[in-house]
Protein backbone atom coordinates (compact mmCIF):
# COMPACT_ATOMS: atom_id res chain seq x y z
CA MET A 1 -2.81 -11.42 9.73
CA PRO A 2 -3.94 -9.77 6.49
CA VAL A 3 -0.51 -8.18 5.94
CA THR A 4 2.95 -9.73 6.02
CA PHE A 5 6.30 -8.03 5.61
CA ASP A 6 9.63 -8.59 3.95
CA HIS A 7 12.40 -6.02 4.44
CA ARG A 8 15.76 -6.00 2.73
CA GLU A 9 18.17 -3.51 1.27
CA GLY A 10 16.00 -0.45 1.91
CA VAL A 11 12.82 -1.97 0.46
CA LEU A 12 9.86 -2.88 2.66
CA ILE A 13 7.29 -5.12 1.00
CA ALA A 14 3.84 -5.21 2.60
CA SER A 15 1.89 -8.13 1.13
CA ILE A 16 -1.81 -7.57 1.73
CA SER A 17 -4.37 -10.36 1.52
CA GLY A 18 -8.14 -10.63 1.70
CA ASP A 19 -10.64 -7.84 1.22
CA LEU A 20 -9.47 -4.27 1.78
CA ASP A 21 -12.52 -2.47 3.11
CA HIS A 22 -13.73 -0.33 6.00
CA HIS A 23 -13.35 -3.17 8.50
CA SER A 24 -9.89 -4.38 7.52
CA ALA A 25 -8.10 -1.17 6.47
CA ALA A 26 -7.34 0.30 9.91
CA PRO A 27 -5.32 -2.61 11.33
CA ILE A 28 -3.48 -3.05 8.02
CA ARG A 29 -2.69 0.66 7.90
CA GLU A 30 -1.44 0.67 11.49
CA ALA A 31 0.75 -2.40 10.94
CA ILE A 32 2.31 -0.91 7.80
CA ASP A 33 2.94 2.43 9.51
CA ARG A 34 4.60 0.77 12.53
CA MET A 35 6.83 -1.35 10.32
CA ALA A 36 7.74 1.55 8.01
CA GLU A 37 8.56 3.87 10.93
CA SER A 38 10.72 1.14 12.46
CA ALA A 39 12.51 -0.02 9.28
CA MET A 40 12.82 3.44 7.63
CA PRO A 41 12.83 2.01 4.07
CA LYS A 42 13.59 4.05 0.98
CA VAL A 43 10.80 2.23 -0.89
CA LEU A 44 7.53 0.83 0.41
CA VAL A 45 5.98 -1.76 -1.92
CA LEU A 46 2.29 -2.38 -1.38
CA ASP A 47 1.73 -5.86 -2.84
CA PHE A 48 -1.96 -6.24 -3.70
CA GLY A 49 -1.57 -9.74 -5.19
CA GLY A 50 -3.71 -11.28 -2.45
CA VAL A 51 -6.45 -8.62 -2.47
CA GLY A 52 -9.73 -9.69 -4.03
CA PHE A 53 -11.82 -6.60 -3.26
CA MET A 54 -10.96 -3.00 -2.44
CA ASP A 55 -13.21 -0.03 -1.72
CA SER A 56 -12.34 3.59 -0.96
CA SER A 57 -10.63 2.48 2.26
CA GLY A 58 -7.92 0.96 0.07
CA ILE A 59 -7.49 4.28 -1.73
CA GLY A 60 -7.07 5.95 1.66
CA LEU A 61 -4.52 3.32 2.65
CA ILE A 62 -2.44 4.01 -0.47
CA MET A 63 -2.70 7.80 -0.07
CA GLY A 64 -1.75 7.72 3.60
CA ARG A 65 1.28 5.50 2.96
CA TYR A 66 2.31 7.79 0.12
CA LYS A 67 2.21 10.78 2.50
CA LEU A 68 4.08 8.85 5.22
CA MET A 69 6.85 7.74 2.87
CA ASP A 70 7.09 11.21 1.33
CA SER A 71 7.61 12.69 4.81
CA MET A 72 10.38 10.11 5.37
CA GLY A 73 12.06 10.89 2.05
CA GLY A 74 10.94 7.61 0.49
CA SER A 75 8.53 6.42 -2.15
CA VAL A 76 5.66 3.98 -2.65
CA ARG A 77 5.00 1.39 -5.36
CA VAL A 78 1.84 -0.63 -5.86
CA GLU A 79 2.43 -4.09 -7.29
CA HIS A 80 0.35 -7.06 -8.41
CA ALA A 81 -2.91 -5.10 -8.53
CA SER A 82 -5.62 -6.85 -10.55
CA SER A 83 -7.14 -5.02 -13.50
CA GLN A 84 -10.20 -4.25 -11.36
CA LEU A 85 -8.06 -2.75 -8.57
CA LYS A 86 -6.09 -0.72 -11.12
CA LYS A 87 -9.37 0.67 -12.43
CA VAL A 88 -10.46 1.74 -8.92
CA ILE A 89 -7.03 3.34 -8.34
CA ARG A 90 -7.15 5.15 -11.67
CA LEU A 91 -10.73 6.39 -11.12
CA ALA A 92 -9.70 7.78 -7.72
CA GLY A 93 -7.01 9.87 -9.43
CA LEU A 94 -4.04 8.15 -7.80
CA SER A 95 -2.45 7.63 -11.20
CA LEU A 96 -1.72 11.38 -11.14
CA LEU A 97 0.69 10.88 -8.22
CA PRO A 98 4.22 9.56 -8.63
CA ILE A 99 3.15 6.07 -7.51
CA PRO A 100 4.09 3.31 -9.99
CA ILE A 101 1.22 0.84 -10.27
CA ASN A 102 2.05 -2.56 -11.72
C-alpha cells in the first residue's frame, strides 16, 4: 500500500511512498480520510519522505486533508518533502496556509 500509518498521542502520521499522481492520489486520500475520521487526531502529519514525484493531485491531497482536519479542530503538517516537492507546494500557494512544511 502506498500509505502506512502510525498513531500515538493525538498525532496521526501518514507515510506516503511512490509517485503521487492522478492514478495514485484517490486511494491514498481515501485511506487517510478513513484513518483520520476513525482516530480523530489533533495533528495529521503527511510524511512525503518516500514520494519521488508529485503533480497537482498531491496539492489536492494536501488541501483536502487540511480542510478535513480544520473541520475536526486539528491541523496538518507536511514533513520530509524534497526540495522539488517543496517548490511545487510553494508555487501552488500552499505556503500561504498555516501548514508547516519541513
